Amino acid sequence: MLTHERKAHLLATLKRDGRIVAKAESQALGLSEDTIRRDLRELAAEGLLQRVHGGALPASPALADFADRQQVAGAGKAAIGRAAAAMIRPGQVVFVDGGTTAVQLARSLPLDLKATIITHSPSVAVELVNKPAVEVELIGGRLFKHSVVAVGASAIEAIGRIQADLYFMGVTGVHPEIGLTTGDAEEAAVKRALSRQAAETVVMASAEKLGAASPFVVTTLAEIDMVIVEPGLPPEVTAPFERLGVTLAPA
């Protein structure tokens, strides 16, 4: 079997099964595991999958830059943003993450809502300028340009001095086994800090993130309270999470 044929087979397996097990594929194709692992490394370098121990999982398209991500699942993200905004009650102190879905949340807040929104996202803060009753606190730090958020030690130190009612988390991957993931180690550390300082953590996940994985683990599914998802997802997408007892809330 030629290299391009092997890679096409591996990608077809990933699409069908949602994962690749290197040992099983080597046995099925009569090839060494080293050959399969090499193919997986090359496919991962092309951004076509995420390597994990023993094989590979779907790579999240949410690893694209901020401008490109605005074009992905626009209607779904808007619906999730509206559902998240509806959860915020007057007088609450709320962490809002960075990302395109978080921007949709900010846009969806009622004009008369009196609450305090704390964010490390300049994009979210700018959206909140148009919400006259919302107090906005912006966490500073080094600007991670890919996601347009502040990261680093100073951001984590500032977060540690706040106790919030809610944290709306954005991630690039939500996988039943791997958990919640993102594409940068410092960004993952900031998300963990935000979750530790909030009474409840709610994850906002458009359809392309479910079942996908990125390189850096934020936390496990057991550590969060709810995942807001798009309405109308097929049972094969939601069932693995429901079996784990994860609360999925359709937008």
Protein backbone atom coordinates (compact mmCIF):
# COMPACT_ATOMS: atom_id res chain seq x y z
CA MET A 1 0.00 0.00 0.00
CA LEU A 2 1.39 3.39 -1.01
CA THR A 3 1.86 6.17 1.52
CA HIS A 4 -1.02 8.29 0.23
CA GLU A 5 -3.29 5.23 0.27
CA ARG A 6 -2.38 4.48 3.89
CA LYS A 7 -3.05 8.05 4.92
CA ALA A 8 -6.38 8.10 3.11
CA HIS A 9 -7.30 4.85 4.88
CA LEU A 10 -6.31 6.28 8.27
CA LEU A 11 -8.35 9.44 7.73
CA ALA A 12 -11.34 7.39 6.63
CA THR A 13 -11.01 5.27 9.79
CA LEU A 14 -10.82 8.42 11.90
CA LYS A 15 -13.95 9.82 10.27
CA ARG A 16 -15.84 6.53 10.70
CA ASP A 17 -14.75 5.58 14.22
CA GLY A 18 -13.77 8.92 15.74
CA ARG A 19 -10.33 7.55 16.65
CA ILE A 20 -7.35 5.60 15.32
CA VAL A 21 -5.68 2.82 17.31
CA ALA A 22 -2.18 2.39 15.89
CA LYS A 23 -1.79 -1.26 16.92
CA ALA A 24 -5.13 -2.26 15.41
CA GLU A 25 -4.36 -0.46 12.16
CA SER A 26 -0.91 -2.04 11.88
CA GLN A 27 -2.47 -5.49 12.28
CA ALA A 28 -5.29 -4.75 9.83
CA LEU A 29 -2.89 -3.48 7.17
CA GLY A 30 -0.07 -5.94 7.87
CA LEU A 31 2.36 -3.11 8.57
CA SER A 32 4.62 -2.18 11.47
CA GLU A 33 3.37 0.16 14.17
CA ASP A 34 6.35 2.40 13.35
CA THR A 35 4.96 2.89 9.84
CA ILE A 36 1.52 3.79 11.18
CA ARG A 37 3.01 6.14 13.78
CA ARG A 38 5.06 7.88 11.08
CA ASP A 39 1.94 8.38 8.98
CA LEU A 40 0.13 9.77 12.03
CA ARG A 41 2.98 12.19 12.75
CA GLU A 42 2.83 13.50 9.20
CA LEU A 43 -0.95 13.83 9.25
CA ALA A 44 -0.75 15.64 12.58
CA ALA A 45 1.82 18.04 11.13
CA GLU A 46 -0.72 18.85 8.42
CA GLY A 47 -3.35 19.57 11.09
CA LEU A 48 -5.53 16.66 10.00
CA LEU A 49 -5.60 14.84 13.36
CA GLN A 50 -4.41 15.05 16.96
CA ARG A 51 -1.96 12.37 18.05
CA VAL A 52 -2.55 10.76 21.44
CA HIS A 53 -0.96 7.82 23.22
CA GLY A 54 -1.59 4.73 21.11
CA GLY A 55 -3.14 6.47 18.13
CA ALA A 56 -5.00 9.62 17.14
CA LEU A 57 -8.22 11.61 17.60
CA PRO A 58 -9.93 14.23 15.41
CA ALA A 59 -8.13 17.57 15.43
CA SER A 60 -10.22 20.59 16.33
CA PRO A 61 -10.82 23.13 13.53
CA ALA A 62 -11.05 25.69 16.35
CA LEU A 63 -7.24 25.87 16.37
CA ALA A 64 -7.44 28.27 13.43
CA ASP A 65 -6.73 31.93 14.18
CA PHE A 66 -9.40 34.23 15.61
CA ALA A 67 -10.45 35.73 12.27
CA ASP A 68 -10.88 32.32 10.63
CA ARG A 69 -12.75 30.92 13.64
CA GLN A 70 -15.37 33.64 13.25
CA GLN A 71 -16.41 31.90 10.03
CA VAL A 72 -16.87 28.46 11.69
CA ALA A 73 -20.32 27.42 12.99
CA GLY A 74 -21.55 31.02 13.12
CA ALA A 75 -25.23 30.19 13.74
CA GLY A 76 -24.39 27.56 16.34
CA LYS A 77 -22.06 29.88 18.24
CA ALA A 78 -24.69 32.64 18.22
CA ALA A 79 -27.27 30.24 19.69
CA ILE A 80 -24.84 29.07 22.37
CA GLY A 81 -23.94 32.67 23.18
CA ARG A 82 -27.62 33.56 23.66
CA ALA A 83 -28.19 30.54 25.91
CA ALA A 84 -25.15 31.42 28.02
CA ALA A 85 -26.18 35.07 28.32
CA ALA A 86 -29.62 34.00 29.55
CA MET A 87 -28.01 32.16 32.48
CA ILE A 88 -26.51 35.32 33.99
CA ARG A 89 -28.56 36.85 36.81
CA PRO A 90 -28.54 40.46 38.08
CA GLY A 91 -25.84 41.13 40.62
CA GLN A 92 -23.65 38.18 39.68
CA VAL A 93 -19.89 38.29 39.19
CA VAL A 94 -19.09 36.34 36.04
CA PHE A 95 -15.88 35.26 34.29
CA VAL A 96 -16.19 35.25 30.51
CA ASP A 97 -13.47 33.52 28.51
CA GLY A 98 -12.03 34.62 25.20
CA GLY A 99 -12.99 33.34 21.77
CA THR A 100 -15.66 33.81 19.17
CA THR A 101 -18.48 32.18 21.16
CA ALA A 102 -17.68 34.39 24.15
CA VAL A 103 -18.07 37.43 21.89
CA GLN A 104 -21.53 36.14 20.96
CA LEU A 105 -22.36 35.83 24.68
CA ALA A 106 -21.35 39.46 25.24
CA ARG A 107 -23.48 40.63 22.32
CA SER A 108 -26.50 38.75 23.67
CA LEU A 109 -26.57 40.27 27.16
CA PRO A 110 -29.67 42.40 27.87
CA LEU A 111 -29.08 46.14 27.88
CA ASP A 112 -30.57 46.44 31.37
CA LEU A 113 -28.55 43.63 32.97
CA LYS A 114 -26.70 44.80 36.08
CA ALA A 115 -23.80 42.42 36.62
CA THR A 116 -20.01 42.41 36.77
CA ILE A 117 -18.24 40.71 33.87
CA ILE A 118 -14.55 39.91 34.31
CA THR A 119 -12.65 38.86 31.21
CA HIS A 120 -9.11 38.47 29.90
CA SER A 121 -10.39 39.04 26.36
CA PRO A 122 -10.12 42.55 24.87
CA SER A 123 -12.61 41.47 22.19
CA VAL A 124 -15.23 40.61 24.82
CA ALA A 125 -14.52 43.82 26.75
CA VAL A 126 -15.08 45.93 23.64
CA GLU A 127 -18.44 44.22 23.01
CA LEU A 128 -19.47 45.03 26.59
CA VAL A 129 -18.94 48.76 26.03
CA ASN A 130 -22.43 48.69 24.53
CA LYS A 131 -23.99 47.25 27.71
CA PRO A 132 -24.48 50.34 29.90
CA ALA A 133 -25.47 48.52 33.11
CA VAL A 134 -22.65 45.95 33.03
CA GLU A 135 -19.48 46.64 35.00
CA VAL A 136 -16.46 45.39 33.11
CA GLU A 137 -13.13 44.37 34.62
CA LEU A 138 -10.35 43.50 32.18
CA ILE A 139 -7.61 41.13 33.31
CA GLY A 140 -4.22 42.05 31.91
CA GLY A 141 -1.14 40.09 30.92
CA ARG A 142 0.77 39.10 27.81
CA LEU A 143 -1.50 39.19 24.76
CA PHE A 144 -1.79 35.77 23.16
CA LYS A 145 -2.61 36.97 19.68
CA HIS A 146 -4.00 33.69 18.34
CA SER A 147 -6.98 33.83 20.71
CA VAL A 148 -6.77 37.55 21.52
CA VAL A 149 -6.59 36.94 25.28
CA ALA A 150 -4.24 37.87 28.12
CA VAL A 151 -2.15 35.02 29.52
CA GLY A 152 0.80 34.58 31.85
CA ALA A 153 1.65 34.86 35.52
CA SER A 154 0.18 38.33 36.01
CA ALA A 155 -3.18 37.21 34.60
CA ILE A 156 -3.28 34.14 36.86
CA GLU A 157 -2.31 36.23 39.90
CA ALA A 158 -5.15 38.68 39.22
CA ILE A 159 -7.65 35.87 38.73
CA GLY A 160 -6.65 34.37 42.09
CA ARG A 161 -7.94 37.46 43.92
CA ILE A 162 -11.50 37.08 42.60
CA GLN A 163 -14.39 34.79 43.54
CA ALA A 164 -16.95 34.52 40.74
CA ASP A 165 -20.43 33.02 40.56
CA LEU A 166 -20.01 31.65 37.04
CA TYR A 167 -17.28 30.99 34.51
CA PHE A 168 -18.14 30.56 30.85
CA MET A 169 -15.26 28.59 29.38
CA GLY A 170 -14.32 28.29 25.74
CA VAL A 171 -12.19 25.38 24.54
CA THR A 172 -11.09 23.91 21.21
CA GLY A 173 -11.82 20.30 22.08
CA VAL A 174 -14.34 18.42 24.24
CA HIS A 175 -13.59 14.70 24.28
CA PRO A 176 -15.23 12.07 26.52
CA GLU A 177 -11.86 10.48 27.38
CA ILE A 178 -9.32 13.30 27.05
CA GLY A 179 -11.53 16.01 28.55
CA LEU A 180 -11.35 19.72 27.76
CA THR A 181 -8.41 20.85 25.65
CA THR A 182 -6.96 23.88 23.95
CA GLY A 183 -4.02 24.66 21.69
CA ASP A 184 -1.70 26.58 24.04
CA ALA A 185 -0.24 25.65 27.44
CA GLU A 186 -0.44 29.15 28.95
CA GLU A 187 -4.01 29.61 27.77
CA ALA A 188 -4.90 26.26 29.36
CA ALA A 189 -3.34 27.42 32.67
CA VAL A 190 -5.43 30.61 32.65
CA LYS A 191 -8.61 28.61 32.00
CA ARG A 192 -7.81 26.33 34.94
CA ALA A 193 -7.28 29.36 37.18
CA LEU A 194 -10.61 30.86 36.12
CA SER A 195 -12.42 27.59 36.77
CA ARG A 196 -10.86 27.24 40.25
CA GLN A 197 -12.12 30.70 41.22
CA ALA A 198 -15.72 30.19 40.04
CA ALA A 199 -18.56 28.48 41.87
CA GLU A 200 -19.76 26.98 38.57
CA THR A 201 -18.01 26.35 35.27
CA VAL A 202 -20.09 26.20 32.10
CA VAL A 203 -18.40 25.16 28.85
CA MET A 204 -19.57 26.60 25.53
CA ALA A 205 -18.95 24.09 22.73
CA SER A 206 -20.09 24.33 19.13
CA ALA A 207 -20.53 21.05 17.25
CA GLU A 208 -17.09 20.86 15.65
CA LYS A 209 -15.43 20.76 19.09
CA LEU A 210 -17.31 17.71 20.39
CA GLY A 211 -15.21 14.57 20.06
CA ALA A 212 -12.15 16.60 19.02
CA ALA A 213 -8.92 17.09 20.93
CA SER A 214 -6.09 19.64 21.07
CA PRO A 215 -2.59 19.32 22.56
CA PHE A 216 -3.08 20.85 26.02
CA VAL A 217 -5.56 19.55 28.60
CA VAL A 218 -7.44 22.19 30.59
CA THR A 219 -9.34 19.88 32.93
CA THR A 220 -11.53 16.80 33.02
CA LEU A 221 -15.24 16.71 32.27
CA ALA A 222 -15.86 15.77 35.89
CA GLU A 223 -14.60 19.19 36.99
CA ILE A 224 -17.19 21.24 35.09
CA ASP A 225 -20.92 21.68 35.66
CA MET A 226 -22.47 21.89 32.21
CA VAL A 227 -21.74 22.02 28.49
CA ILE A 228 -23.92 24.27 26.33
CA VAL A 229 -24.20 22.72 22.86
CA GLU A 230 -26.00 23.42 19.63
CA PRO A 231 -29.58 22.12 19.33
CA GLY A 232 -30.32 19.07 17.22
CA LEU A 233 -27.05 17.18 17.65
CA PRO A 234 -27.26 13.52 16.58
CA PRO A 235 -27.33 10.86 19.34
CA GLU A 236 -23.99 9.39 18.26
CA VAL A 237 -22.35 12.72 19.15
CA THR A 238 -24.06 13.25 22.50
CA ALA A 239 -24.29 9.64 23.78
CA PRO A 240 -20.62 9.28 24.87
CA PHE A 241 -20.99 12.35 27.09
CA GLU A 242 -24.37 11.37 28.47
CA ARG A 243 -22.98 7.97 29.49
CA LEU A 244 -20.42 9.82 31.61
CA GLY A 245 -23.14 11.85 33.30
CA VAL A 246 -22.12 15.12 31.63
CA THR A 247 -24.95 17.67 31.56
CA LEU A 248 -25.46 18.77 27.96
CA ALA A 249 -27.73 21.80 27.61
CA PRO A 250 -28.96 22.43 24.05
CA ALA A 251 -28.94 26.13 23.19
